[in-house]
N, C-alpha and C. Protein backbone atom coordinates (compact mmCIF):
# COMPACT_ATOMS: atom_id res chain seq x y z
N MET A 1 92.84 155.73 217.32
CA MET A 1 92.98 155.79 215.88
C MET A 1 92.47 154.50 215.26
N LYS A 2 91.67 154.62 214.21
CA LYS A 2 91.08 153.44 213.59
C LYS A 2 92.15 152.63 212.86
N ARG A 3 92.10 151.30 213.05
CA ARG A 3 93.10 150.40 212.49
C ARG A 3 92.39 149.26 211.78
N LYS A 4 93.00 148.76 210.71
CA LYS A 4 92.45 147.59 210.04
C LYS A 4 93.57 146.82 209.37
N LEU A 5 93.33 145.52 209.11
CA LEU A 5 94.28 144.70 208.39
C LEU A 5 94.06 144.85 206.90
N ILE A 6 95.15 144.98 206.15
CA ILE A 6 95.07 145.02 204.69
C ILE A 6 96.07 144.03 204.11
N LYS A 7 95.77 143.51 202.93
CA LYS A 7 96.69 142.60 202.25
C LYS A 7 97.68 143.41 201.43
N THR A 8 98.96 143.02 201.49
CA THR A 8 100.00 143.71 200.72
C THR A 8 100.32 142.94 199.44
N GLY A 9 101.21 143.50 198.64
CA GLY A 9 101.48 142.97 197.31
C GLY A 9 102.00 141.56 197.24
N ASP A 10 102.62 141.06 198.32
CA ASP A 10 103.14 139.68 198.29
C ASP A 10 102.20 138.69 198.99
N GLY A 11 100.99 139.15 199.31
CA GLY A 11 100.01 138.28 199.95
C GLY A 11 100.00 138.35 201.47
N SER A 12 101.06 138.88 202.06
CA SER A 12 101.10 139.04 203.52
C SER A 12 100.29 140.27 203.92
N VAL A 13 99.83 140.28 205.15
CA VAL A 13 99.00 141.40 205.60
C VAL A 13 99.80 142.35 206.47
N THR A 14 99.26 143.54 206.66
CA THR A 14 99.83 144.51 207.58
C THR A 14 98.69 145.27 208.23
N ILE A 15 99.03 146.08 209.19
CA ILE A 15 98.05 146.91 209.88
C ILE A 15 98.10 148.31 209.30
N GLN A 16 96.95 148.83 208.95
CA GLN A 16 96.86 150.19 208.43
C GLN A 16 96.21 151.10 209.47
N LEU A 17 96.82 152.26 209.67
CA LEU A 17 96.25 153.31 210.51
C LEU A 17 95.49 154.24 209.58
N GLU A 18 94.18 154.12 209.59
CA GLU A 18 93.38 154.76 208.54
C GLU A 18 93.44 156.28 208.58
N ASP A 19 93.46 156.87 209.77
CA ASP A 19 93.49 158.34 209.85
C ASP A 19 94.77 158.91 209.25
N TRP A 20 95.87 158.17 209.42
CA TRP A 20 97.16 158.62 208.89
C TRP A 20 97.42 158.16 207.46
N LYS A 21 96.62 157.18 207.00
CA LYS A 21 96.92 156.52 205.71
C LYS A 21 98.36 155.98 205.72
N GLU A 22 98.69 155.33 206.83
CA GLU A 22 100.04 154.80 207.06
C GLU A 22 99.92 153.33 207.46
N GLN A 23 100.89 152.53 207.03
CA GLN A 23 100.90 151.10 207.35
C GLN A 23 102.15 150.74 208.16
N TYR A 24 102.06 149.63 208.86
CA TYR A 24 103.22 149.10 209.57
C TYR A 24 104.29 148.63 208.58
N HIS A 25 103.88 148.19 207.40
CA HIS A 25 104.81 147.71 206.38
C HIS A 25 104.40 148.23 205.02
N SER A 26 105.25 147.99 204.04
CA SER A 26 104.98 148.45 202.68
C SER A 26 103.75 147.76 202.10
N LYS A 27 102.90 148.54 201.43
CA LYS A 27 101.75 147.97 200.72
C LYS A 27 102.19 147.09 199.55
N HIS A 28 103.43 147.25 199.11
CA HIS A 28 103.94 146.47 197.98
C HIS A 28 104.39 145.07 198.41
N GLY A 29 104.45 144.82 199.72
CA GLY A 29 104.84 143.50 200.21
C GLY A 29 105.51 143.60 201.56
N ALA A 30 104.77 143.25 202.61
CA ALA A 30 105.32 143.35 203.97
C ALA A 30 106.52 142.44 204.16
N ILE A 31 106.39 141.19 203.75
CA ILE A 31 107.48 140.23 203.93
C ILE A 31 108.66 140.58 203.04
N GLU A 32 108.40 140.93 201.80
CA GLU A 32 109.50 141.26 200.89
C GLU A 32 110.27 142.48 201.36
N GLU A 33 109.57 143.47 201.90
CA GLU A 33 110.25 144.64 202.45
C GLU A 33 111.15 144.24 203.61
N ALA A 34 110.61 143.45 204.53
CA ALA A 34 111.39 143.03 205.70
C ALA A 34 112.63 142.24 205.29
N LYS A 35 112.46 141.31 204.36
CA LYS A 35 113.60 140.50 203.92
C LYS A 35 114.66 141.35 203.25
N HIS A 36 114.25 142.29 202.41
CA HIS A 36 115.23 143.09 201.67
C HIS A 36 115.95 144.08 202.59
N VAL A 37 115.17 144.91 203.29
CA VAL A 37 115.76 146.00 204.07
C VAL A 37 116.53 145.48 205.28
N PHE A 38 115.91 144.61 206.05
CA PHE A 38 116.47 144.26 207.35
C PHE A 38 117.34 143.00 207.33
N ILE A 39 117.01 142.05 206.46
CA ILE A 39 117.81 140.82 206.40
C ILE A 39 118.96 140.98 205.41
N ARG A 40 118.64 141.20 204.13
CA ARG A 40 119.71 141.25 203.12
C ARG A 40 120.67 142.42 203.34
N MET A 41 120.13 143.60 203.62
CA MET A 41 120.98 144.78 203.75
C MET A 41 121.47 145.03 205.17
N GLY A 42 120.92 144.29 206.13
CA GLY A 42 121.30 144.49 207.52
C GLY A 42 121.90 143.25 208.15
N LEU A 43 121.07 142.29 208.48
CA LEU A 43 121.52 141.10 209.22
C LEU A 43 122.64 140.36 208.50
N GLU A 44 122.54 140.22 207.19
CA GLU A 44 123.54 139.45 206.45
C GLU A 44 124.93 140.09 206.49
N THR A 45 125.01 141.38 206.83
CA THR A 45 126.33 142.03 206.95
C THR A 45 127.01 141.68 208.27
N GLN A 46 126.27 141.04 209.19
CA GLN A 46 126.79 140.78 210.53
C GLN A 46 127.01 139.30 210.82
N LEU A 47 126.66 138.43 209.88
CA LEU A 47 126.64 137.00 210.16
C LEU A 47 128.03 136.36 210.26
N HIS A 48 129.07 137.13 210.01
CA HIS A 48 130.43 136.62 210.22
C HIS A 48 130.81 136.65 211.70
N LYS A 49 130.00 137.31 212.53
CA LYS A 49 130.29 137.44 213.95
C LYS A 49 129.70 136.26 214.72
N LYS A 50 130.31 135.94 215.84
CA LYS A 50 129.80 134.86 216.68
C LYS A 50 128.55 135.28 217.44
N GLU A 51 128.49 136.57 217.84
CA GLU A 51 127.34 137.09 218.56
C GLU A 51 127.00 138.47 218.03
N ILE A 52 125.70 138.78 218.01
CA ILE A 52 125.22 140.08 217.55
C ILE A 52 124.26 140.65 218.59
N GLN A 53 124.46 141.89 218.93
CA GLN A 53 123.48 142.64 219.71
C GLN A 53 122.65 143.45 218.70
N LEU A 54 121.36 143.15 218.65
CA LEU A 54 120.49 143.74 217.62
C LEU A 54 119.36 144.53 218.29
N LEU A 55 119.17 145.76 217.82
CA LEU A 55 118.11 146.63 218.33
C LEU A 55 117.10 146.91 217.23
N GLU A 56 115.83 146.65 217.53
CA GLU A 56 114.78 147.02 216.57
C GLU A 56 113.99 148.20 217.10
N ILE A 57 113.94 149.24 216.30
CA ILE A 57 113.16 150.44 216.62
C ILE A 57 111.79 150.29 215.97
N GLY A 58 110.82 149.86 216.76
CA GLY A 58 109.48 149.60 216.25
C GLY A 58 109.20 148.11 216.13
N PHE A 59 109.07 147.40 217.27
CA PHE A 59 108.84 145.95 217.23
C PHE A 59 107.54 145.62 216.49
N GLY A 60 106.51 146.41 216.72
CA GLY A 60 105.28 146.32 215.95
C GLY A 60 104.65 144.94 215.87
N THR A 61 104.53 144.43 214.65
CA THR A 61 103.87 143.14 214.40
C THR A 61 104.75 141.94 214.70
N GLY A 62 106.04 142.18 214.97
CA GLY A 62 106.97 141.08 215.21
C GLY A 62 107.51 140.45 213.94
N LEU A 63 107.16 140.99 212.78
CA LEU A 63 107.60 140.39 211.52
C LEU A 63 109.12 140.37 211.39
N ASN A 64 109.77 141.49 211.66
CA ASN A 64 111.22 141.53 211.50
C ASN A 64 111.92 140.57 212.44
N ALA A 65 111.42 140.47 213.67
CA ALA A 65 112.01 139.55 214.63
C ALA A 65 111.82 138.10 214.19
N PHE A 66 110.63 137.78 213.70
CA PHE A 66 110.34 136.40 213.29
C PHE A 66 111.17 136.00 212.07
N ILE A 67 111.27 136.88 211.09
CA ILE A 67 112.08 136.56 209.91
C ILE A 67 113.55 136.43 210.30
N SER A 68 114.00 137.27 211.22
CA SER A 68 115.39 137.16 211.68
C SER A 68 115.62 135.82 212.36
N TYR A 69 114.68 135.39 213.18
CA TYR A 69 114.78 134.09 213.85
C TYR A 69 114.90 132.98 212.81
N LEU A 70 114.05 133.00 211.78
CA LEU A 70 114.08 131.97 210.75
C LEU A 70 115.40 131.99 209.99
N GLU A 71 115.89 133.16 209.67
CA GLU A 71 117.15 133.29 208.94
C GLU A 71 118.30 132.70 209.75
N LEU A 72 118.29 132.93 211.03
CA LEU A 72 119.40 132.51 211.88
C LEU A 72 119.42 131.02 212.15
N LEU A 73 118.36 130.31 211.77
CA LEU A 73 118.38 128.86 211.89
C LEU A 73 119.47 128.24 211.03
N ASN A 74 119.91 128.98 210.02
CA ASN A 74 120.92 128.48 209.09
C ASN A 74 122.34 128.86 209.47
N TYR A 75 122.51 129.53 210.63
CA TYR A 75 123.84 130.03 211.02
C TYR A 75 124.12 129.69 212.48
N ASP A 76 125.39 129.78 212.85
CA ASP A 76 125.79 129.55 214.24
C ASP A 76 125.83 130.84 215.05
N THR A 77 125.58 131.96 214.39
CA THR A 77 125.61 133.25 215.07
C THR A 77 124.54 133.34 216.15
N LYS A 78 124.92 133.82 217.33
CA LYS A 78 123.96 134.04 218.41
C LYS A 78 123.50 135.49 218.39
N VAL A 79 122.20 135.69 218.56
CA VAL A 79 121.64 137.04 218.51
C VAL A 79 120.90 137.36 219.80
N HIS A 80 121.21 138.53 220.34
CA HIS A 80 120.47 139.09 221.47
C HIS A 80 119.62 140.22 220.88
N TYR A 81 118.33 139.99 220.78
CA TYR A 81 117.42 140.86 220.03
C TYR A 81 116.61 141.71 221.00
N THR A 82 116.76 143.03 220.90
CA THR A 82 115.99 143.96 221.71
C THR A 82 114.97 144.67 220.84
N GLY A 83 113.69 144.51 221.15
CA GLY A 83 112.63 145.16 220.39
C GLY A 83 112.01 146.28 221.20
N ILE A 84 112.05 147.50 220.66
CA ILE A 84 111.49 148.67 221.33
C ILE A 84 110.13 148.99 220.72
N GLU A 85 109.14 149.18 221.56
CA GLU A 85 107.80 149.51 221.07
C GLU A 85 107.05 150.31 222.14
N ALA A 86 106.60 151.49 221.77
CA ALA A 86 105.86 152.32 222.71
C ALA A 86 104.40 151.90 222.82
N TYR A 87 103.83 151.43 221.70
CA TYR A 87 102.41 151.10 221.66
C TYR A 87 102.21 149.71 221.06
N PRO A 88 102.26 148.67 221.89
CA PRO A 88 102.23 147.29 221.39
C PRO A 88 100.96 146.95 220.62
N VAL A 89 101.13 146.09 219.62
CA VAL A 89 100.01 145.52 218.88
C VAL A 89 99.20 144.63 219.83
N VAL A 90 97.88 144.69 219.73
CA VAL A 90 97.05 143.90 220.64
C VAL A 90 96.89 142.47 220.10
N GLU A 91 96.48 141.56 220.98
CA GLU A 91 96.44 140.14 220.64
C GLU A 91 95.52 139.84 219.47
N THR A 92 94.35 140.48 219.40
CA THR A 92 93.44 140.20 218.28
C THR A 92 94.07 140.56 216.94
N GLU A 93 94.97 141.55 216.94
CA GLU A 93 95.65 141.94 215.71
C GLU A 93 96.75 140.95 215.34
N TRP A 94 97.65 140.65 216.31
CA TRP A 94 98.78 139.79 215.91
C TRP A 94 98.33 138.38 215.61
N ARG A 95 97.25 137.92 216.21
CA ARG A 95 96.75 136.58 215.89
C ARG A 95 96.13 136.53 214.49
N ALA A 96 95.75 137.67 213.95
CA ALA A 96 95.16 137.71 212.61
C ALA A 96 96.21 137.86 211.50
N LEU A 97 97.47 138.05 211.88
CA LEU A 97 98.53 138.20 210.88
C LEU A 97 98.86 136.84 210.26
N ASN A 98 99.18 136.84 208.97
CA ASN A 98 99.38 135.56 208.25
C ASN A 98 100.84 135.28 207.92
N TYR A 99 101.77 135.83 208.68
CA TYR A 99 103.18 135.70 208.36
C TYR A 99 103.68 134.27 208.45
N VAL A 100 103.24 133.53 209.44
CA VAL A 100 103.70 132.14 209.59
C VAL A 100 103.30 131.34 208.36
N HIS A 101 102.09 131.51 207.89
CA HIS A 101 101.62 130.80 206.69
C HIS A 101 102.40 131.24 205.45
N CYS A 102 102.53 132.55 205.27
CA CYS A 102 103.20 133.06 204.07
C CYS A 102 104.67 132.67 204.01
N LEU A 103 105.29 132.51 205.15
CA LEU A 103 106.70 132.12 205.22
C LEU A 103 106.90 130.61 205.25
N ASP A 104 105.79 129.87 205.13
CA ASP A 104 105.83 128.41 205.17
C ASP A 104 106.56 127.94 206.42
N ALA A 105 106.19 128.53 207.56
CA ALA A 105 106.91 128.29 208.81
C ALA A 105 105.99 127.77 209.90
N THR A 106 105.05 126.92 209.52
CA THR A 106 104.07 126.42 210.49
C THR A 106 104.73 125.75 211.69
N VAL A 107 105.85 125.07 211.46
CA VAL A 107 106.53 124.39 212.57
C VAL A 107 107.08 125.38 213.60
N HIS A 108 107.13 126.66 213.22
CA HIS A 108 107.63 127.68 214.14
C HIS A 108 106.51 128.61 214.62
N GLN A 109 105.27 128.19 214.46
CA GLN A 109 104.13 128.99 214.92
C GLN A 109 104.28 129.37 216.40
N SER A 110 104.72 128.44 217.21
CA SER A 110 104.84 128.70 218.64
C SER A 110 105.87 129.79 218.94
N ILE A 111 106.88 129.91 218.08
CA ILE A 111 107.89 130.96 218.27
C ILE A 111 107.27 132.33 218.03
N PHE A 112 106.51 132.47 216.95
CA PHE A 112 105.85 133.74 216.66
C PHE A 112 104.92 134.12 217.82
N GLU A 113 104.17 133.16 218.31
CA GLU A 113 103.26 133.43 219.42
C GLU A 113 104.04 133.82 220.68
N ALA A 114 105.14 133.11 220.93
CA ALA A 114 105.94 133.41 222.12
C ALA A 114 106.52 134.81 222.07
N MET A 115 106.89 135.27 220.88
CA MET A 115 107.42 136.62 220.74
C MET A 115 106.41 137.66 221.22
N HIS A 116 105.15 137.43 220.90
CA HIS A 116 104.11 138.39 221.29
C HIS A 116 103.64 138.19 222.72
N GLU A 117 103.63 136.96 223.18
CA GLU A 117 103.13 136.68 224.52
C GLU A 117 104.16 136.93 225.60
N ALA A 118 105.42 137.06 225.22
CA ALA A 118 106.49 137.27 226.20
C ALA A 118 106.25 138.53 227.02
N PRO A 119 106.46 138.47 228.33
CA PRO A 119 106.32 139.67 229.16
C PRO A 119 107.33 140.73 228.73
N TRP A 120 106.94 141.98 228.88
CA TRP A 120 107.83 143.08 228.56
C TRP A 120 108.91 143.19 229.63
N GLU A 121 110.09 143.60 229.20
CA GLU A 121 111.24 143.84 230.08
C GLU A 121 111.82 142.56 230.66
N GLU A 122 111.52 141.39 230.07
CA GLU A 122 112.09 140.13 230.54
C GLU A 122 112.79 139.42 229.39
N ASN A 123 113.94 138.83 229.69
CA ASN A 123 114.68 138.07 228.68
C ASN A 123 113.98 136.75 228.38
N LEU A 124 113.86 136.43 227.10
CA LEU A 124 113.24 135.18 226.67
C LEU A 124 114.19 134.45 225.74
N ALA A 125 114.57 133.22 226.10
CA ALA A 125 115.42 132.41 225.23
C ALA A 125 114.52 131.59 224.30
N LEU A 126 114.44 132.00 223.04
CA LEU A 126 113.62 131.28 222.07
C LEU A 126 114.36 130.07 221.51
N SER A 127 115.67 130.09 221.60
CA SER A 127 116.52 128.96 221.22
C SER A 127 117.89 129.22 221.84
N SER A 128 118.81 128.31 221.63
CA SER A 128 120.16 128.52 222.16
C SER A 128 120.88 129.66 221.43
N HIS A 129 120.34 130.05 220.25
CA HIS A 129 120.99 131.08 219.45
C HIS A 129 120.19 132.37 219.34
N PHE A 130 119.01 132.45 219.94
CA PHE A 130 118.18 133.64 219.77
C PHE A 130 117.51 133.98 221.10
N LYS A 131 117.93 135.12 221.65
CA LYS A 131 117.32 135.63 222.88
C LYS A 131 116.64 136.97 222.59
N LEU A 132 115.44 137.13 223.14
CA LEU A 132 114.61 138.31 222.88
C LEU A 132 114.27 139.02 224.18
N ILE A 133 114.36 140.35 224.13
CA ILE A 133 113.77 141.16 225.19
C ILE A 133 113.01 142.30 224.52
N LYS A 134 111.78 142.50 224.95
CA LYS A 134 110.96 143.61 224.45
C LYS A 134 110.90 144.69 225.53
N SER A 135 111.08 145.93 225.10
CA SER A 135 111.00 147.06 226.02
C SER A 135 109.94 148.03 225.55
N GLN A 136 109.02 148.37 226.44
CA GLN A 136 107.96 149.30 226.09
C GLN A 136 108.37 150.70 226.53
N LEU A 137 108.94 151.45 225.61
CA LEU A 137 109.35 152.81 225.88
C LEU A 137 109.41 153.60 224.59
N LYS A 138 109.47 154.90 224.71
CA LYS A 138 109.58 155.76 223.55
C LYS A 138 111.03 155.78 223.07
N PHE A 139 111.20 156.00 221.77
CA PHE A 139 112.53 155.91 221.18
C PHE A 139 113.50 156.91 221.80
N GLU A 140 112.99 158.09 222.16
CA GLU A 140 113.87 159.11 222.73
C GLU A 140 114.32 158.77 224.14
N GLU A 141 113.74 157.71 224.73
CA GLU A 141 114.11 157.28 226.07
C GLU A 141 115.24 156.25 226.08
N ILE A 142 115.67 155.82 224.90
CA ILE A 142 116.75 154.84 224.81
C ILE A 142 118.04 155.46 225.34
N SER A 143 118.70 154.76 226.25
CA SER A 143 119.88 155.33 226.90
C SER A 143 121.12 154.45 226.76
N ALA A 144 121.03 153.37 225.99
CA ALA A 144 122.18 152.46 225.83
C ALA A 144 123.36 153.18 225.19
N LYS A 145 124.56 152.73 225.55
CA LYS A 145 125.79 153.30 224.99
C LYS A 145 126.68 152.16 224.46
N ASN A 146 127.17 152.33 223.22
CA ASN A 146 128.14 151.39 222.63
C ASN A 146 127.73 149.93 222.80
N THR A 147 126.48 149.64 222.51
CA THR A 147 125.92 148.32 222.80
C THR A 147 125.61 147.49 221.56
N TYR A 148 125.07 148.10 220.51
CA TYR A 148 124.46 147.34 219.42
C TYR A 148 125.34 147.28 218.16
N ASP A 149 125.37 146.08 217.58
CA ASP A 149 126.06 145.86 216.31
C ASP A 149 125.18 146.24 215.13
N LEU A 150 123.86 146.12 215.31
CA LEU A 150 122.91 146.28 214.21
C LEU A 150 121.63 146.90 214.73
N VAL A 151 121.09 147.86 213.98
CA VAL A 151 119.82 148.50 214.32
C VAL A 151 118.88 148.38 213.13
N TYR A 152 117.69 147.83 213.38
CA TYR A 152 116.60 147.88 212.42
C TYR A 152 115.77 149.13 212.77
N PHE A 153 115.84 150.15 211.94
CA PHE A 153 115.09 151.38 212.22
C PHE A 153 113.80 151.34 211.42
N ASP A 154 112.71 150.93 212.09
CA ASP A 154 111.45 150.66 211.41
C ASP A 154 110.30 151.46 212.03
N ALA A 155 110.56 152.72 212.30
CA ALA A 155 109.53 153.61 212.83
C ALA A 155 108.54 153.98 211.72
N PHE A 156 107.38 154.50 212.12
CA PHE A 156 106.44 155.02 211.13
C PHE A 156 107.11 156.16 210.37
N GLY A 157 106.66 156.38 209.15
CA GLY A 157 107.33 157.30 208.24
C GLY A 157 107.37 158.75 208.71
N ALA A 158 108.34 159.48 208.16
CA ALA A 158 108.54 160.88 208.52
C ALA A 158 107.35 161.75 208.15
N ARG A 159 106.54 161.32 207.20
CA ARG A 159 105.35 162.09 206.82
C ARG A 159 104.38 162.22 207.98
N VAL A 160 104.25 161.17 208.79
CA VAL A 160 103.27 161.19 209.89
C VAL A 160 103.92 161.37 211.26
N GLN A 161 105.18 160.97 211.41
CA GLN A 161 105.88 161.16 212.69
C GLN A 161 107.29 161.72 212.44
N PRO A 162 107.37 162.96 211.97
CA PRO A 162 108.68 163.54 211.64
C PRO A 162 109.62 163.61 212.83
N GLU A 163 109.07 163.65 214.05
CA GLU A 163 109.92 163.76 215.24
C GLU A 163 110.77 162.52 215.47
N LEU A 164 110.44 161.41 214.81
CA LEU A 164 111.21 160.17 214.98
C LEU A 164 112.38 160.07 214.00
N TRP A 165 112.52 161.07 213.12
CA TRP A 165 113.54 161.01 212.08
C TRP A 165 114.45 162.23 212.13
N THR A 166 114.75 162.67 213.35
CA THR A 166 115.52 163.88 213.56
C THR A 166 116.94 163.57 214.04
N GLU A 167 117.76 164.61 214.10
CA GLU A 167 119.11 164.45 214.62
C GLU A 167 119.08 163.97 216.07
N VAL A 168 118.10 164.39 216.84
CA VAL A 168 118.01 163.97 218.24
C VAL A 168 117.89 162.45 218.34
N ILE A 169 117.00 161.87 217.53
CA ILE A 169 116.80 160.42 217.56
C ILE A 169 118.01 159.69 217.00
N PHE A 170 118.54 160.18 215.89
CA PHE A 170 119.69 159.48 215.30
C PHE A 170 120.94 159.61 216.14
N ASP A 171 121.06 160.68 216.93
CA ASP A 171 122.18 160.75 217.87
C ASP A 171 122.03 159.68 218.95
N ARG A 172 120.78 159.43 219.39
CA ARG A 172 120.54 158.33 220.34
C ARG A 172 121.00 157.00 219.73
N MET A 173 120.69 156.80 218.45
CA MET A 173 121.09 155.57 217.77
C MET A 173 122.61 155.48 217.68
N PHE A 174 123.23 156.59 217.29
CA PHE A 174 124.69 156.61 217.15
C PHE A 174 125.37 156.26 218.47
N GLN A 175 124.89 156.86 219.55
CA GLN A 175 125.48 156.61 220.86
C GLN A 175 125.25 155.16 221.32
N ALA A 176 124.11 154.59 220.93
CA ALA A 176 123.77 153.23 221.36
C ALA A 176 124.55 152.15 220.62
N MET A 177 125.13 152.52 219.47
CA MET A 177 125.79 151.52 218.63
C MET A 177 127.28 151.41 218.90
N LYS A 178 127.81 150.22 218.63
CA LYS A 178 129.25 149.99 218.69
C LYS A 178 129.91 150.62 217.46
N SER A 179 131.21 150.82 217.55
CA SER A 179 131.97 151.24 216.39
C SER A 179 131.82 150.21 215.27
N GLU A 180 131.60 150.66 214.06
CA GLU A 180 131.33 149.84 212.88
C GLU A 180 129.92 149.21 212.91
N GLY A 181 129.11 149.63 213.86
CA GLY A 181 127.72 149.18 213.88
C GLY A 181 126.96 149.71 212.67
N VAL A 182 125.92 148.98 212.29
CA VAL A 182 125.16 149.29 211.07
C VAL A 182 123.69 149.53 211.43
N LEU A 183 123.10 150.56 210.85
CA LEU A 183 121.67 150.85 210.97
C LEU A 183 121.06 150.79 209.58
N VAL A 184 119.96 150.07 209.44
CA VAL A 184 119.26 150.00 208.15
C VAL A 184 117.82 150.46 208.32
N THR A 185 117.30 151.11 207.29
CA THR A 185 115.93 151.58 207.28
C THR A 185 115.40 151.63 205.87
N TYR A 186 114.08 151.51 205.76
CA TYR A 186 113.41 151.59 204.45
C TYR A 186 113.41 153.02 203.92
N ALA A 187 113.64 154.00 204.79
CA ALA A 187 113.53 155.41 204.40
C ALA A 187 114.66 155.81 203.46
N ALA A 188 114.39 156.83 202.63
CA ALA A 188 115.42 157.31 201.71
C ALA A 188 115.38 158.83 201.54
N LYS A 189 114.56 159.52 202.34
CA LYS A 189 114.43 160.97 202.21
C LYS A 189 115.76 161.67 202.45
N GLY A 190 115.97 162.73 201.71
CA GLY A 190 117.19 163.50 201.88
C GLY A 190 117.34 164.07 203.28
N SER A 191 116.24 164.50 203.88
CA SER A 191 116.29 165.06 205.23
C SER A 191 116.72 164.02 206.25
N VAL A 192 116.32 162.76 206.04
CA VAL A 192 116.72 161.67 206.93
C VAL A 192 118.21 161.39 206.77
N ARG A 193 118.66 161.31 205.53
CA ARG A 193 120.08 161.06 205.26
C ARG A 193 120.94 162.16 205.88
N ARG A 194 120.51 163.41 205.74
CA ARG A 194 121.29 164.52 206.29
C ARG A 194 121.31 164.49 207.82
N ALA A 195 120.19 164.13 208.43
CA ALA A 195 120.16 164.03 209.90
C ALA A 195 121.13 162.96 210.39
N MET A 196 121.18 161.84 209.68
CA MET A 196 122.13 160.78 210.03
C MET A 196 123.57 161.27 209.91
N GLN A 197 123.86 161.95 208.82
CA GLN A 197 125.23 162.43 208.60
C GLN A 197 125.64 163.48 209.63
N GLU A 198 124.70 164.32 210.04
CA GLU A 198 125.00 165.37 211.01
C GLU A 198 125.47 164.81 212.34
N VAL A 199 124.97 163.63 212.73
CA VAL A 199 125.37 163.07 214.03
C VAL A 199 126.57 162.16 213.92
N GLY A 200 127.10 161.97 212.70
CA GLY A 200 128.35 161.22 212.55
C GLY A 200 128.31 159.97 211.71
N PHE A 201 127.12 159.56 211.25
CA PHE A 201 127.02 158.35 210.45
C PHE A 201 127.61 158.54 209.05
N THR A 202 128.18 157.47 208.52
CA THR A 202 128.49 157.37 207.09
C THR A 202 127.31 156.67 206.44
N VAL A 203 126.69 157.30 205.45
CA VAL A 203 125.41 156.84 204.93
C VAL A 203 125.52 156.41 203.47
N GLU A 204 124.94 155.25 203.18
CA GLU A 204 124.87 154.74 201.81
C GLU A 204 123.42 154.74 201.33
N ARG A 205 123.24 155.08 200.06
CA ARG A 205 121.97 154.84 199.39
C ARG A 205 122.06 153.47 198.72
N LEU A 206 121.07 152.61 198.99
CA LEU A 206 121.05 151.27 198.42
C LEU A 206 119.75 151.05 197.67
N PRO A 207 119.71 150.07 196.75
CA PRO A 207 118.45 149.76 196.08
C PRO A 207 117.38 149.41 197.11
N GLY A 208 116.17 149.93 196.90
CA GLY A 208 115.09 149.71 197.85
C GLY A 208 114.33 148.43 197.61
N PRO A 209 113.38 148.13 198.50
CA PRO A 209 112.51 146.96 198.35
C PRO A 209 111.48 147.23 197.26
N PRO A 210 110.64 146.26 196.92
CA PRO A 210 109.61 146.49 195.91
C PRO A 210 108.80 147.76 196.20
N GLY A 211 108.64 148.60 195.18
CA GLY A 211 107.88 149.82 195.33
C GLY A 211 108.68 151.03 195.77
N LYS A 212 109.97 150.84 196.11
CA LYS A 212 110.82 151.96 196.52
C LYS A 212 112.14 151.90 195.75
N ARG A 213 112.55 153.05 195.26
CA ARG A 213 113.78 153.09 194.46
C ARG A 213 115.02 152.91 195.33
N GLU A 214 115.01 153.51 196.53
CA GLU A 214 116.19 153.49 197.39
C GLU A 214 115.82 153.26 198.85
N MET A 215 116.82 152.91 199.64
CA MET A 215 116.75 152.82 201.10
C MET A 215 118.09 153.31 201.62
N LEU A 216 118.22 153.44 202.95
CA LEU A 216 119.46 153.93 203.54
C LEU A 216 120.09 152.91 204.48
N ARG A 217 121.43 152.89 204.45
CA ARG A 217 122.20 152.13 205.44
C ARG A 217 123.25 153.05 206.02
N ALA A 218 123.28 153.16 207.34
CA ALA A 218 124.21 154.07 208.02
C ALA A 218 125.18 153.27 208.88
N THR A 219 126.45 153.63 208.83
CA THR A 219 127.49 152.94 209.61
C THR A 219 128.16 153.91 210.55
N LYS A 220 128.41 153.47 211.76
CA LYS A 220 129.11 154.29 212.75
C LYS A 220 130.60 154.06 212.58
N LYS A 221 131.28 155.04 212.02
CA LYS A 221 132.71 154.96 211.79
C LYS A 221 133.42 155.81 212.85
N GLU A 222 134.26 155.15 213.64
CA GLU A 222 135.01 155.91 214.65
C GLU A 222 136.47 155.46 214.66
C-alpha cells in the first residue's frame, strides 16, 4: 500500500495510507490529538498510582509512547509500557518524523530513536521510571488477563478496518484490563460505543481533540 508523510494542522507530520485515505493520526494535529486523547483523558487519570501497566493498541509511529515518556518526567509514577503493532513503521519513515522538534524535546532524541530501534519482544529500560516492550502481533492474539491499568486504543479507523472495533476485540481488551482499568480512544462512533458496552465496559463520551466533537473513554467496572 502506498504511503507518504503529510503535515498535520499543528505542524507535526503523520503517515498517510493513500489507498485507504487514512492516516496514523488526525490531520487536524497529530501531537494535539495524542496529548488530548491519550494523555489528558487517559494517562492523567492514572498518575495517582505508584506504578501503571499501560497497553498501546497500535504502537505505530511511537508518538503516544514518546509523549507519555515526556509527560512522566514530571511524576514519580513508574510505567511499564507495552506497545502492540502488527506492521511496524520502517526506519526511513520514523526517522523522517518531526515529533522531537515539534515537542521541543531535542535532549530526548535518543529516547525516541531507542523506542524504534529496540528489539521486539524484549524489555527496554528507558529510565528508572519508564520500561518499554514492543510486541509484534495482531490485536486478536492478545491473551493477557487482568494486567493493564490503562489502554491506549489507537487502531486505524472503523471505516477501513471495522474488524478491529468489534465486540471480539473489545472483549480481549476487557479481559486484559484490571478492575477500574481505563481505555481511551479517539473514536466516537455509536457502533464502537455499543460494542464496548456489550462486553461490560462503562462508557463515557468526552470532548474530542481538534477536528472531532467527541471521543470515548471506557472503564472496566467489576
